[in-house]
């Protein structure tokens, strides 16, 4: 019987892989998968095919920008196949220190390298994230004739930075205000918002949530590698 190649085994893994979307974005109200979700789902398939997966990061400078390059490699015997993906580090990210910024970029890059290697389509457009009845029915309706504009309402104040991060923390932790509002709803009701502000808010919620998840994994791994010496006086 002819020996199955790495290509044959990878095809089998790709066709069998079902990576669940184990994370939830409270701002956009949609589920998504992380690199950890993909790894948890693919490990049994790798074992069944006797294949090995390794992931490594490189720091790459392009002009004045710093990118994290993640390389995912699957191997079987002497055969191997690699896919890489890039994520750019932000020059500065509010509420995150330098290590968290790099960690968040690494997570994004690793996720998309794994997506490419295992043929996972993780692309969503704006309409795909809005599936409520009100939204879909509004998309079908013809554009109405514009009426005379209403008198301008007094503009709302800009959200202070300390309040901004309190609201982000509320949404990351799934908490609500005393009046029962999520951080996103509180931001809409109390402060000035536009498309750019709401996009930045969504990005901050996602980045902080992923950075916290990464830190939890790092803390768990470190505790396993450096157990406390209970006999030490």
C-alpha atoms as a PDB file:
ATOM      1  CA  UNK A   1       0.000   0.000   0.000  1.00  0.00           C
ATOM      2  CA  UNK A   2       1.356   3.395  -0.993  1.00  0.00           C
ATOM      3  CA  UNK A   3       2.461   5.607   1.907  1.00  0.00           C
ATOM      4  CA  UNK A   4       0.209   8.613   2.445  1.00  0.00           C
ATOM      5  CA  UNK A   5       2.011  11.933   2.032  1.00  0.00           C
ATOM      6  CA  UNK A   6       1.783  15.078   4.139  1.00  0.00           C
ATOM      7  CA  UNK A   7      -0.471  16.522   1.427  1.00  0.00           C
ATOM      8  CA  UNK A   8      -2.928  13.629   1.825  1.00  0.00           C
ATOM      9  CA  UNK A   9      -2.923  13.976   5.602  1.00  0.00           C
ATOM     10  CA  UNK A  10      -3.395  17.753   5.498  1.00  0.00           C
ATOM     11  CA  UNK A  11      -6.378  17.377   3.142  1.00  0.00           C
ATOM     12  CA  UNK A  12      -7.922  14.959   5.622  1.00  0.00           C
ATOM     13  CA  UNK A  13      -7.353  17.377   8.517  1.00  0.00           C
ATOM     14  CA  UNK A  14      -8.787  20.337   6.588  1.00  0.00           C
ATOM     15  CA  UNK A  15     -11.924  18.423   5.594  1.00  0.00           C
ATOM     16  CA  UNK A  16     -12.496  17.121   9.140  1.00  0.00           C
ATOM     17  CA  UNK A  17     -11.656  20.245  11.148  1.00  0.00           C
ATOM     18  CA  UNK A  18     -14.543  21.992  12.880  1.00  0.00           C
ATOM     19  CA  UNK A  19     -13.212  24.919  14.891  1.00  0.00           C
ATOM     20  CA  UNK A  20     -15.997  26.342  17.079  1.00  0.00           C
ATOM     21  CA  UNK A  21     -16.379  30.057  17.685  1.00  0.00           C
ATOM     22  CA  UNK A  22     -15.815  29.972  21.422  1.00  0.00           C
ATOM     23  CA  UNK A  23     -15.441  33.726  21.992  1.00  0.00           C
ATOM     24  CA  UNK A  24     -18.179  36.387  22.165  1.00  0.00           C
ATOM     25  CA  UNK A  25     -17.869  40.070  21.298  1.00  0.00           C
ATOM     26  CA  UNK A  26     -20.308  41.887  23.584  1.00  0.00           C
ATOM     27  CA  UNK A  27     -19.995  45.090  21.564  1.00  0.00           C
ATOM     28  CA  UNK A  28     -20.767  43.673  18.131  1.00  0.00           C
ATOM     29  CA  UNK A  29     -22.866  40.846  19.666  1.00  0.00           C
ATOM     30  CA  UNK A  30     -21.315  38.104  17.542  1.00  0.00           C
ATOM     31  CA  UNK A  31     -19.223  34.996  18.149  1.00  0.00           C
ATOM     32  CA  UNK A  32     -15.708  34.539  16.818  1.00  0.00           C
ATOM     33  CA  UNK A  33     -12.879  32.024  17.107  1.00  0.00           C
ATOM     34  CA  UNK A  34      -9.415  32.651  18.519  1.00  0.00           C
ATOM     35  CA  UNK A  35      -6.110  30.912  17.817  1.00  0.00           C
ATOM     36  CA  UNK A  36      -6.652  28.889  20.997  1.00  0.00           C
ATOM     37  CA  UNK A  37     -10.041  27.650  19.699  1.00  0.00           C
ATOM     38  CA  UNK A  38      -8.406  26.468  16.462  1.00  0.00           C
ATOM     39  CA  UNK A  39      -5.561  24.714  18.294  1.00  0.00           C
ATOM     40  CA  UNK A  40      -7.945  22.935  20.659  1.00  0.00           C
ATOM     41  CA  UNK A  41      -9.976  21.605  17.716  1.00  0.00           C
ATOM     42  CA  UNK A  42      -7.046  20.577  15.498  1.00  0.00           C
ATOM     43  CA  UNK A  43      -4.881  18.735  18.058  1.00  0.00           C
ATOM     44  CA  UNK A  44      -6.899  15.455  17.979  1.00  0.00           C
ATOM     45  CA  UNK A  45      -6.802  15.481  14.167  1.00  0.00           C
ATOM     46  CA  UNK A  46      -3.034  16.031  14.170  1.00  0.00           C
ATOM     47  CA  UNK A  47      -2.630  13.098  16.531  1.00  0.00           C
ATOM     48  CA  UNK A  48      -4.809  10.868  14.334  1.00  0.00           C
ATOM     49  CA  UNK A  49      -2.707  11.748  11.269  1.00  0.00           C
ATOM     50  CA  UNK A  50       0.596  11.516  13.178  1.00  0.00           C
ATOM     51  CA  UNK A  51       1.440  15.097  12.185  1.00  0.00           C
ATOM     52  CA  UNK A  52       3.156  17.832  14.164  1.00  0.00           C
ATOM     53  CA  UNK A  53       2.221  21.519  14.268  1.00  0.00           C
ATOM     54  CA  UNK A  54       4.593  24.269  15.364  1.00  0.00           C
ATOM     55  CA  UNK A  55       4.024  28.031  15.528  1.00  0.00           C
ATOM     56  CA  UNK A  56       6.718  30.675  15.862  1.00  0.00           C
ATOM     57  CA  UNK A  57       6.828  34.463  15.738  1.00  0.00           C
ATOM     58  CA  UNK A  58       9.299  36.854  14.161  1.00  0.00           C
ATOM     59  CA  UNK A  59       9.512  40.625  14.558  1.00  0.00           C
ATOM     60  CA  UNK A  60       9.799  42.322  11.156  1.00  0.00           C
ATOM     61  CA  UNK A  61      10.369  46.008  10.467  1.00  0.00           C
ATOM     62  CA  UNK A  62       8.943  47.448   7.253  1.00  0.00           C
ATOM     63  CA  UNK A  63       9.889  51.103   6.918  1.00  0.00           C
ATOM     64  CA  UNK A  64       9.029  52.647  10.272  1.00  0.00           C
ATOM     65  CA  UNK A  65       6.378  50.034  11.104  1.00  0.00           C
ATOM     66  CA  UNK A  66       6.864  46.954  13.280  1.00  0.00           C
ATOM     67  CA  UNK A  67       5.040  43.761  12.308  1.00  0.00           C
ATOM     68  CA  UNK A  68       4.681  40.413  14.063  1.00  0.00           C
ATOM     69  CA  UNK A  69       5.137  37.594  11.544  1.00  0.00           C
ATOM     70  CA  UNK A  70       3.582  34.301  12.673  1.00  0.00           C
ATOM     71  CA  UNK A  71       4.649  31.085  10.936  1.00  0.00           C
ATOM     72  CA  UNK A  72       2.516  27.929  11.306  1.00  0.00           C
ATOM     73  CA  UNK A  73       4.239  24.732  10.137  1.00  0.00           C
ATOM     74  CA  UNK A  74       2.751  21.258   9.816  1.00  0.00           C
ATOM     75  CA  UNK A  75       5.162  18.362   9.360  1.00  0.00           C
ATOM     76  CA  UNK A  76       5.090  14.622   8.801  1.00  0.00           C
ATOM     77  CA  UNK A  77       8.437  12.855   8.858  1.00  0.00           C
ATOM     78  CA  UNK A  78      10.764  14.859   6.633  1.00  0.00           C
ATOM     79  CA  UNK A  79       7.906  16.649   4.841  1.00  0.00           C
ATOM     80  CA  UNK A  80       6.680  20.057   6.016  1.00  0.00           C
ATOM     81  CA  UNK A  81       4.468  22.915   4.879  1.00  0.00           C
ATOM     82  CA  UNK A  82       4.398  26.450   6.310  1.00  0.00           C
ATOM     83  CA  UNK A  83       1.991  29.384   6.112  1.00  0.00           C
ATOM     84  CA  UNK A  84       2.752  32.839   7.509  1.00  0.00           C
ATOM     85  CA  UNK A  85       0.635  35.872   8.404  1.00  0.00           C
ATOM     86  CA  UNK A  86       1.436  39.393   9.565  1.00  0.00           C
ATOM     87  CA  UNK A  87      -0.109  41.732  12.130  1.00  0.00           C
ATOM     88  CA  UNK A  88       1.108  45.284  12.695  1.00  0.00           C
ATOM     89  CA  UNK A  89       1.814  46.522  16.194  1.00  0.00           C
ATOM     90  CA  UNK A  90       0.068  49.754  17.080  1.00  0.00           C
ATOM     91  CA  UNK A  91       2.421  52.602  17.939  1.00  0.00           C
ATOM     92  CA  UNK A  92       0.367  53.147  21.063  1.00  0.00           C
ATOM     93  CA  UNK A  93      -2.759  51.441  22.423  1.00  0.00           C
ATOM     94  CA  UNK A  94      -4.683  53.063  25.243  1.00  0.00           C
ATOM     95  CA  UNK A  95      -4.942  50.888  28.345  1.00  0.00           C
ATOM     96  CA  UNK A  96      -2.289  48.384  27.180  1.00  0.00           C
ATOM     97  CA  UNK A  97       1.426  48.215  27.916  1.00  0.00           C
ATOM     98  CA  UNK A  98       4.071  47.298  25.309  1.00  0.00           C
ATOM     99  CA  UNK A  99       3.986  43.552  26.049  1.00  0.00           C
ATOM    100  CA  UNK A 100       0.195  43.429  25.694  1.00  0.00           C
ATOM    101  CA  UNK A 101       0.346  45.281  22.364  1.00  0.00           C
ATOM    102  CA  UNK A 102       2.858  42.734  21.032  1.00  0.00           C
ATOM    103  CA  UNK A 103       0.833  39.852  22.491  1.00  0.00           C
ATOM    104  CA  UNK A 104      -2.363  41.034  20.818  1.00  0.00           C
ATOM    105  CA  UNK A 105      -0.584  41.397  17.448  1.00  0.00           C
ATOM    106  CA  UNK A 106       0.934  37.927  17.862  1.00  0.00           C
ATOM    107  CA  UNK A 107      -2.483  36.393  18.568  1.00  0.00           C
ATOM    108  CA  UNK A 108      -4.007  37.975  15.458  1.00  0.00           C
ATOM    109  CA  UNK A 109      -1.090  36.883  13.270  1.00  0.00           C
ATOM    110  CA  UNK A 110      -1.131  33.316  14.622  1.00  0.00           C
ATOM    111  CA  UNK A 111      -4.885  33.044  14.128  1.00  0.00           C
ATOM    112  CA  UNK A 112      -4.679  34.001  10.459  1.00  0.00           C
ATOM    113  CA  UNK A 113      -1.646  31.799   9.827  1.00  0.00           C
ATOM    114  CA  UNK A 114      -3.676  28.862  11.191  1.00  0.00           C
ATOM    115  CA  UNK A 115      -6.655  29.959   9.090  1.00  0.00           C
ATOM    116  CA  UNK A 116      -4.498  29.788   5.978  1.00  0.00           C
ATOM    117  CA  UNK A 117      -2.903  26.461   6.849  1.00  0.00           C
ATOM    118  CA  UNK A 118      -6.157  24.677   7.676  1.00  0.00           C
ATOM    119  CA  UNK A 119      -8.374  26.469   5.109  1.00  0.00           C
ATOM    120  CA  UNK A 120     -10.591  28.223   7.641  1.00  0.00           C
ATOM    121  CA  UNK A 121     -12.637  31.109   6.246  1.00  0.00           C
ATOM    122  CA  UNK A 122     -12.998  33.711   9.002  1.00  0.00           C
ATOM    123  CA  UNK A 123     -14.051  36.660   6.831  1.00  0.00           C
ATOM    124  CA  UNK A 124     -17.184  38.636   7.732  1.00  0.00           C
ATOM    125  CA  UNK A 125     -18.624  41.701   6.107  1.00  0.00           C
ATOM    126  CA  UNK A 126     -20.694  44.386   7.821  1.00  0.00           C
ATOM    127  CA  UNK A 127     -24.040  42.910   6.733  1.00  0.00           C
ATOM    128  CA  UNK A 128     -23.086  39.477   8.030  1.00  0.00           C
ATOM    129  CA  UNK A 129     -22.758  40.892  11.538  1.00  0.00           C
ATOM    130  CA  UNK A 130     -26.242  42.459  11.450  1.00  0.00           C
ATOM    131  CA  UNK A 131     -28.883  39.739  11.165  1.00  0.00           C
ATOM    132  CA  UNK A 132     -31.666  41.207  13.258  1.00  0.00           C
ATOM    133  CA  UNK A 133     -35.151  41.366  11.749  1.00  0.00           C
ATOM    134  CA  UNK A 134     -35.193  45.166  11.872  1.00  0.00           C
ATOM    135  CA  UNK A 135     -31.883  45.418   9.999  1.00  0.00           C
ATOM    136  CA  UNK A 136     -32.679  42.874   7.268  1.00  0.00           C
ATOM    137  CA  UNK A 137     -36.138  44.337   6.627  1.00  0.00           C
ATOM    138  CA  UNK A 138     -34.682  47.831   6.438  1.00  0.00           C
ATOM    139  CA  UNK A 139     -32.176  46.636   3.803  1.00  0.00           C
ATOM    140  CA  UNK A 140     -35.078  45.447   1.615  1.00  0.00           C
ATOM    141  CA  UNK A 141     -37.116  48.635   1.854  1.00  0.00           C
ATOM    142  CA  UNK A 142     -36.713  51.306  -0.869  1.00  0.00           C
ATOM    143  CA  UNK A 143     -35.126  54.528   0.224  1.00  0.00           C
ATOM    144  CA  UNK A 144     -37.763  56.875   1.639  1.00  0.00           C
ATOM    145  CA  UNK A 145     -38.163  60.476   0.547  1.00  0.00           C
ATOM    146  CA  UNK A 146     -36.191  62.690   2.893  1.00  0.00           C
ATOM    147  CA  UNK A 147     -38.300  64.985   5.051  1.00  0.00           C
ATOM    148  CA  UNK A 148     -37.312  68.410   6.260  1.00  0.00           C
ATOM    149  CA  UNK A 149     -34.495  68.074   8.779  1.00  0.00           C
ATOM    150  CA  UNK A 150     -35.372  68.395  12.452  1.00  0.00           C
ATOM    151  CA  UNK A 151     -33.840  71.174  14.501  1.00  0.00           C
ATOM    152  CA  UNK A 152     -30.345  70.267  15.636  1.00  0.00           C
ATOM    153  CA  UNK A 153     -30.185  68.794  19.111  1.00  0.00           C
ATOM    154  CA  UNK A 154     -27.573  69.953  21.623  1.00  0.00           C
ATOM    155  CA  UNK A 155     -24.370  68.024  21.038  1.00  0.00           C
ATOM    156  CA  UNK A 156     -23.282  65.476  23.625  1.00  0.00           C
ATOM    157  CA  UNK A 157     -19.909  65.789  25.371  1.00  0.00           C
ATOM    158  CA  UNK A 158     -16.906  63.714  24.357  1.00  0.00           C
ATOM    159  CA  UNK A 159     -16.359  60.625  26.486  1.00  0.00           C
ATOM    160  CA  UNK A 160     -13.488  61.160  28.990  1.00  0.00           C
ATOM    161  CA  UNK A 161     -10.628  58.690  28.666  1.00  0.00           C
ATOM    162  CA  UNK A 162     -11.056  57.227  32.172  1.00  0.00           C
ATOM    163  CA  UNK A 163     -14.766  56.638  31.558  1.00  0.00           C
ATOM    164  CA  UNK A 164     -13.984  55.143  28.140  1.00  0.00           C
ATOM    165  CA  UNK A 165     -11.825  52.409  29.664  1.00  0.00           C
ATOM    166  CA  UNK A 166     -14.345  51.742  32.442  1.00  0.00           C
ATOM    167  CA  UNK A 167     -16.967  51.107  29.750  1.00  0.00           C
ATOM    168  CA  UNK A 168     -14.560  48.882  27.778  1.00  0.00           C
ATOM    169  CA  UNK A 169     -13.884  46.900  30.955  1.00  0.00           C
ATOM    170  CA  UNK A 170     -17.632  46.517  31.565  1.00  0.00           C
ATOM    171  CA  UNK A 171     -18.162  44.998  28.108  1.00  0.00           C
ATOM    172  CA  UNK A 172     -15.105  42.748  28.354  1.00  0.00           C
ATOM    173  CA  UNK A 173     -16.353  41.405  31.714  1.00  0.00           C
ATOM    174  CA  UNK A 174     -19.990  41.283  30.603  1.00  0.00           C
ATOM    175  CA  UNK A 175     -21.161  43.681  33.299  1.00  0.00           C
ATOM    176  CA  UNK A 176     -23.846  46.395  33.241  1.00  0.00           C
ATOM    177  CA  UNK A 177     -24.287  49.808  34.805  1.00  0.00           C
ATOM    178  CA  UNK A 178     -26.655  50.508  37.694  1.00  0.00           C
ATOM    179  CA  UNK A 179     -29.274  51.502  35.126  1.00  0.00           C
ATOM    180  CA  UNK A 180     -28.875  48.137  33.350  1.00  0.00           C
ATOM    181  CA  UNK A 181     -26.911  49.399  30.342  1.00  0.00           C
ATOM    182  CA  UNK A 182     -23.904  47.735  28.718  1.00  0.00           C
ATOM    183  CA  UNK A 183     -20.788  49.844  28.254  1.00  0.00           C
ATOM    184  CA  UNK A 184     -21.642  50.295  24.574  1.00  0.00           C
ATOM    185  CA  UNK A 185     -25.221  51.392  25.349  1.00  0.00           C
ATOM    186  CA  UNK A 186     -23.989  53.793  28.025  1.00  0.00           C
ATOM    187  CA  UNK A 187     -21.533  55.320  25.542  1.00  0.00           C
ATOM    188  CA  UNK A 188     -24.300  55.839  22.982  1.00  0.00           C
ATOM    189  CA  UNK A 189     -26.682  57.418  25.482  1.00  0.00           C
ATOM    190  CA  UNK A 190     -24.318  59.737  27.321  1.00  0.00           C
ATOM    191  CA  UNK A 191     -21.561  60.791  24.942  1.00  0.00           C
ATOM    192  CA  UNK A 192     -20.909  61.974  21.412  1.00  0.00           C
ATOM    193  CA  UNK A 193     -20.384  59.102  18.968  1.00  0.00           C
ATOM    194  CA  UNK A 194     -19.863  58.583  15.281  1.00  0.00           C
ATOM    195  CA  UNK A 195     -18.765  55.698  13.066  1.00  0.00           C
ATOM    196  CA  UNK A 196     -15.064  56.232  13.784  1.00  0.00           C
ATOM    197  CA  UNK A 197     -15.604  56.458  17.564  1.00  0.00           C
ATOM    198  CA  UNK A 198     -17.719  53.278  17.619  1.00  0.00           C
ATOM    199  CA  UNK A 199     -15.160  51.440  15.482  1.00  0.00           C
ATOM    200  CA  UNK A 200     -12.362  52.444  17.882  1.00  0.00           C
ATOM    201  CA  UNK A 201     -14.483  51.311  20.810  1.00  0.00           C
ATOM    202  CA  UNK A 202     -15.120  47.912  19.212  1.00  0.00           C
ATOM    203  CA  UNK A 203     -11.400  47.508  18.482  1.00  0.00           C
ATOM    204  CA  UNK A 204     -10.478  48.383  22.070  1.00  0.00           C
ATOM    205  CA  UNK A 205     -12.992  45.889  23.484  1.00  0.00           C
ATOM    206  CA  UNK A 206     -11.691  43.121  21.215  1.00  0.00           C
ATOM    207  CA  UNK A 207      -8.014  43.971  21.895  1.00  0.00           C
ATOM    208  CA  UNK A 208      -8.416  44.094  25.686  1.00  0.00           C
ATOM    209  CA  UNK A 209     -10.426  40.852  25.700  1.00  0.00           C
ATOM    210  CA  UNK A 210      -7.800  39.060  23.628  1.00  0.00           C
ATOM    211  CA  UNK A 211      -4.915  40.515  25.634  1.00  0.00           C
ATOM    212  CA  UNK A 212      -6.539  39.285  28.848  1.00  0.00           C
ATOM    213  CA  UNK A 213      -7.041  35.832  27.356  1.00  0.00           C
ATOM    214  CA  UNK A 214      -3.388  35.746  26.284  1.00  0.00           C
ATOM    215  CA  UNK A 215      -2.237  36.807  29.745  1.00  0.00           C
ATOM    216  CA  UNK A 216      -4.342  34.045  31.337  1.00  0.00           C
ATOM    217  CA  UNK A 217      -2.654  31.458  29.101  1.00  0.00           C
ATOM    218  CA  UNK A 218       0.807  32.898  29.856  1.00  0.00           C
ATOM    219  CA  UNK A 219       0.139  32.905  33.620  1.00  0.00           C
ATOM    220  CA  UNK A 220      -1.104  29.308  33.486  1.00  0.00           C
ATOM    221  CA  UNK A 221       1.900  28.153  31.458  1.00  0.00           C
ATOM    222  CA  UNK A 222       4.341  29.929  33.782  1.00  0.00           C
ATOM    223  CA  UNK A 223       2.762  28.388  36.869  1.00  0.00           C
ATOM    224  CA  UNK A 224       3.207  24.932  35.337  1.00  0.00           C
ATOM    225  CA  UNK A 225       6.858  25.534  34.464  1.00  0.00           C
ATOM    226  CA  UNK A 226       7.807  27.231  37.764  1.00  0.00           C
ATOM    227  CA  UNK A 227       5.885  25.480  40.578  1.00  0.00           C
ATOM    228  CA  UNK A 228       6.383  26.931  44.051  1.00  0.00           C
ATOM    229  CA  UNK A 229       8.713  25.025  46.310  1.00  0.00           C
ATOM    230  CA  UNK A 230       6.496  24.211  49.259  1.00  0.00           C
ATOM    231  CA  UNK A 231       9.476  22.998  51.336  1.00  0.00           C
ATOM    232  CA  UNK A 232      11.332  26.313  51.036  1.00  0.00           C
ATOM    233  CA  UNK A 233      11.674  28.035  54.402  1.00  0.00           C
END
